[in-house]
Protein backbone atom coordinates (compact mmCIF):
# COMPACT_ATOMS: atom_id res chain seq x y z
CA UNK A 1 -8.05 0.49 6.60
CA UNK A 2 -6.72 -2.00 5.21
CA UNK A 3 -5.56 -5.54 6.12
CA UNK A 4 -1.80 -6.60 5.99
CA UNK A 5 -0.38 -7.67 2.16
CA UNK A 6 -4.25 -7.30 0.21
CA UNK A 7 -3.03 -5.71 -2.00
CA UNK A 8 -1.50 -8.35 -4.29
CA UNK A 9 -2.97 -10.54 -2.71
CA UNK A 10 -2.98 -14.09 -4.37
CA UNK A 11 -3.78 -17.30 -3.05
CA UNK A 12 -3.83 -20.74 -4.73
CA UNK A 13 -4.31 -24.10 -5.19
CA UNK A 14 -4.11 -27.84 -7.10
CA UNK A 15 -7.98 -27.05 -8.07
CA UNK A 16 -8.08 -23.20 -7.96
CA UNK A 17 -6.20 -19.15 -8.26
CA UNK A 18 -6.76 -16.66 -6.59
CA UNK A 19 -5.67 -12.96 -8.00
CA UNK A 20 -5.19 -9.11 -7.51
CA UNK A 21 -8.91 -8.51 -10.44
CA UNK A 22 -7.80 -6.34 -13.69
CA UNK A 23 -9.51 -4.82 -16.82
CA UNK A 24 -6.82 -7.81 -18.50
CA UNK A 25 -9.23 -10.54 -16.63
CA UNK A 26 -12.41 -8.64 -17.82
CA UNK A 27 -12.88 -10.79 -21.44
CA UNK A 28 -12.57 -13.87 -20.41
CA UNK A 29 -15.49 -12.95 -17.32
CA UNK A 30 -17.41 -11.94 -19.54
CA UNK A 31 -17.70 -14.72 -21.04
CA UNK A 32 -17.80 -16.94 -18.38
CA UNK A 33 -20.97 -14.50 -17.48
CA UNK A 34 -22.16 -14.92 -20.33
CA UNK A 35 -21.52 -18.79 -20.31
CA UNK A 36 -25.25 -18.83 -18.02
CA UNK A 37 -27.37 -15.86 -18.16
CA UNK A 38 -26.34 -15.30 -15.20
CA UNK A 39 -26.62 -11.02 -14.94
CA UNK A 40 -30.39 -12.78 -15.88
CA UNK A 41 -31.06 -14.17 -12.06
CA UNK A 42 -32.98 -12.37 -10.57
CA UNK A 43 -31.92 -13.66 -6.82
CA UNK A 44 -28.56 -11.82 -7.24
CA UNK A 45 -26.55 -9.58 -8.89
CA UNK A 46 -23.68 -11.48 -11.87
CA UNK A 47 -21.53 -8.24 -13.79
CA UNK A 48 -23.27 -8.84 -17.57
CA UNK A 49 -20.78 -9.43 -20.50
CA UNK A 50 -21.55 -6.12 -21.77
CA UNK A 51 -21.22 -4.59 -17.80
CA UNK A 52 -17.90 -6.34 -16.66
CA UNK A 53 -15.75 -3.38 -17.45
CA UNK A 54 -17.43 -1.22 -15.47
CA UNK A 55 -18.29 -3.57 -12.60
CA UNK A 56 -14.33 -4.31 -12.71
CA UNK A 57 -14.19 0.05 -12.45
CA UNK A 58 -16.56 -1.14 -9.47
CA UNK A 59 -14.58 -3.04 -6.99
CA UNK A 60 -10.55 -1.75 -7.90
CA UNK A 61 -12.31 1.80 -6.44
CA UNK A 62 -13.77 -0.02 -3.27
CA UNK A 63 -9.94 -1.53 -3.58
CA UNK A 64 -8.33 1.49 -2.98
CA UNK A 65 -10.60 2.74 -0.49
CA UNK A 66 -9.58 -0.31 1.80
CA UNK A 67 -13.28 -1.73 1.75
CA UNK A 68 -12.05 -4.99 -0.42
CA UNK A 69 -10.04 -6.96 -1.20
CA UNK A 70 -10.78 -8.45 -5.18
CA UNK A 71 -9.89 -11.39 -7.19
CA UNK A 72 -10.21 -13.01 -10.54
CA UNK A 73 -11.58 -17.17 -10.07
CA UNK A 74 -9.30 -19.37 -11.93
CA UNK A 75 -9.52 -22.90 -13.16
CA UNK A 76 -6.80 -25.55 -13.19
CA UNK A 77 -6.39 -24.07 -17.15
CA UNK A 78 -5.26 -20.80 -15.96
CA UNK A 79 -9.21 -19.58 -17.52
CA UNK A 80 -11.12 -16.73 -15.39
CA UNK A 81 -14.42 -18.54 -14.48
CA UNK A 82 -15.35 -15.79 -12.00
CA UNK A 83 -15.33 -13.26 -9.33
CA UNK A 84 -14.71 -12.71 -5.47
CA UNK A 85 -13.70 -10.22 -3.30
CA UNK A 86 -12.81 -10.09 1.02
CA UNK A 87 -15.34 -7.49 1.55
CA UNK A 88 -16.79 -5.10 5.00
CA UNK A 89 -13.57 -5.38 6.52
CA UNK A 90 -13.10 -4.31 9.46
CA UNK A 91 -9.52 -4.17 9.77
CA UNK A 92 -9.30 -3.01 13.97
CA UNK A 93 -11.62 -6.54 14.58
CA UNK A 94 -10.43 -7.80 12.23
CA UNK A 95 -13.28 -9.52 10.73
CA UNK A 96 -14.07 -9.88 6.47
CA UNK A 97 -17.37 -11.53 5.02
CA UNK A 98 -16.50 -13.16 1.55
CA UNK A 99 -18.87 -12.06 -0.90
CA UNK A 100 -19.69 -10.44 -4.24
CA UNK A 101 -19.19 -13.98 -5.89
CA UNK A 102 -20.01 -15.79 -8.40
CA UNK A 103 -18.33 -18.71 -10.41
CA UNK A 104 -19.04 -19.27 -14.07
CA UNK A 105 -21.72 -22.93 -14.43
CA UNK A 106 -19.39 -24.80 -16.14
CA UNK A 107 -17.41 -24.15 -13.21
CA UNK A 108 -19.41 -25.11 -10.84
CA UNK A 109 -20.23 -28.47 -8.65
CA UNK A 110 -16.75 -28.95 -8.68
CA UNK A 111 -12.99 -28.32 -6.37
CA UNK A 112 -13.37 -24.52 -7.89
CA UNK A 113 -15.47 -22.82 -4.78
CA UNK A 114 -14.26 -25.73 -1.85
CA UNK A 115 -10.85 -24.63 -2.48
CA UNK A 116 -10.93 -20.68 -3.29
CA UNK A 117 -13.35 -21.00 0.06
CA UNK A 118 -10.61 -22.72 2.22
CA UNK A 119 -7.73 -20.32 0.57
CA UNK A 120 -9.69 -16.90 1.71
CA UNK A 121 -10.84 -18.96 5.04
CA UNK A 122 -6.83 -20.04 5.53
CA UNK A 123 -5.91 -16.32 4.91
CA UNK A 124 -8.10 -14.26 7.35
CA UNK A 125 -7.82 -17.17 10.87
CA UNK A 126 -4.51 -17.35 9.94
CA UNK A 127 -2.80 -14.95 8.87
CA UNK A 128 -5.10 -11.33 9.88
CA UNK A 129 -6.29 -13.21 13.14
CA UNK A 130 -9.28 -13.11 12.25
CA UNK A 131 -12.32 -13.87 14.94
CA UNK A 132 -15.24 -14.15 12.32
CA UNK A 133 -15.89 -14.67 8.71
CA UNK A 134 -19.23 -14.09 7.18
CA UNK A 135 -21.34 -14.56 3.92
CA UNK A 136 -24.65 -12.81 2.58
CA UNK A 137 -27.10 -14.15 0.41
CA UNK A 138 -30.28 -13.24 -0.90
CA UNK A 139 -32.91 -15.87 1.46
CA UNK A 140 -34.55 -17.26 -1.43
CA UNK A 141 -31.05 -18.22 -3.11
CA UNK A 142 -31.50 -21.67 -2.31
CA UNK A 143 -27.88 -23.36 -4.56
CA UNK A 144 -25.87 -19.74 -2.07
CA UNK A 145 -26.99 -20.81 1.19
CA UNK A 146 -26.52 -24.61 0.52
CA UNK A 147 -23.00 -23.69 -0.76
CA UNK A 148 -22.43 -21.92 1.61
CA UNK A 149 -23.87 -24.12 4.25
CA UNK A 150 -21.72 -27.13 3.18
CA UNK A 151 -19.10 -25.38 3.87
CA UNK A 152 -19.03 -25.25 7.45
CA UNK A 153 -20.90 -21.32 8.11
CA UNK A 154 -23.65 -21.16 10.53
CA UNK A 155 -27.04 -19.18 9.64
CA UNK A 156 -27.18 -16.14 12.23
CA UNK A 157 -30.45 -14.20 11.22
CA UNK A 158 -32.00 -12.71 8.48
CA UNK A 159 -32.52 -9.00 8.07
CA UNK A 160 -36.12 -8.37 6.81
CA UNK A 161 -36.54 -5.99 3.75
CA UNK A 162 -32.64 -4.90 3.39
CA UNK A 163 -31.69 -4.43 -0.18
CA UNK A 164 -33.28 -3.12 -2.66
CA UNK A 165 -32.22 -6.05 -6.21
CA UNK A 166 -31.80 -4.05 -9.00
CA UNK A 167 -35.22 -5.53 -10.02
CA UNK A 168 -36.37 -3.10 -7.49
CA UNK A 169 -37.81 -6.37 -5.31
CA UNK A 170 -36.36 -5.96 -1.88
CA UNK A 171 -33.96 -7.88 -0.80
CA UNK A 172 -33.81 -10.12 2.93
CA UNK A 173 -30.25 -11.25 3.36
CA UNK A 174 -29.32 -14.59 4.94
CA UNK A 175 -26.63 -14.37 7.20
CA UNK A 176 -23.50 -16.63 8.23
CA UNK A 177 -20.14 -16.61 9.70
CA UNK A 178 -17.30 -19.48 11.02
CA UNK A 179 -16.29 -17.99 14.14
CA UNK A 180 -12.13 -18.70 15.04
CA UNK A 181 -13.17 -21.59 17.70
CA UNK A 182 -15.23 -23.02 15.26
CA UNK A 183 -12.47 -22.84 11.84
CA UNK A 184 -10.48 -26.21 13.04
CA UNK A 185 -13.68 -27.95 12.50
CA UNK A 186 -14.28 -26.67 9.47
CA UNK A 187 -10.71 -26.46 7.66
CA UNK A 188 -10.51 -30.36 9.13
CA UNK A 189 -14.37 -30.68 6.06
CA UNK A 190 -13.26 -28.83 3.50
CA UNK A 191 -9.97 -30.11 2.81
CA UNK A 192 -11.97 -34.31 3.48
CA UNK A 193 -14.09 -32.61 1.48
CA UNK A 194 -11.23 -31.84 -1.64
CA UNK A 195 -8.86 -35.41 -0.46
CA UNK A 196 -11.80 -37.51 -0.69
CA UNK A 197 -11.73 -40.16 -3.23
CA UNK A 198 -13.68 -39.19 -6.41
């Protein structure tokens, strides 16, 4: 069961646009992945440049099944610099996870990720009426954990030996969430991060 209006959902801001993922993005996303050899990071799963078409196929199949809403992340110039998704969708509650996210190094440490999360959280809470939005990452992925914590998400706990990584190691998964009552304060925090003088 998918969430209303999710089939062709586009979320737009000043610094980023999240558009429905398609094979039209494959070339730019392959270049974005190659930029930092992101697929070689052992503690996360970023599609390799040569595996991008397969990853797009995988995400589109999950979209067709109603369990994922995949986006291409476009910077202010319209260049595809990464991917993100709503996933593990519980439309009955409703509750979603924001995950399977990666961004090219040239688009990191700026407003792209902050605004993308602001747009996705806003839609989840204010349009879909989600009770909570979840984030998951490898316990040892300190960069990702810091980014999630900067959003205002709270650590729910660690799922020990939760999943097997492509290199065969077991991942301890750090689970974070933002609940609906927390959203107004988190929204103010994110809006300030985007508007504050730099």
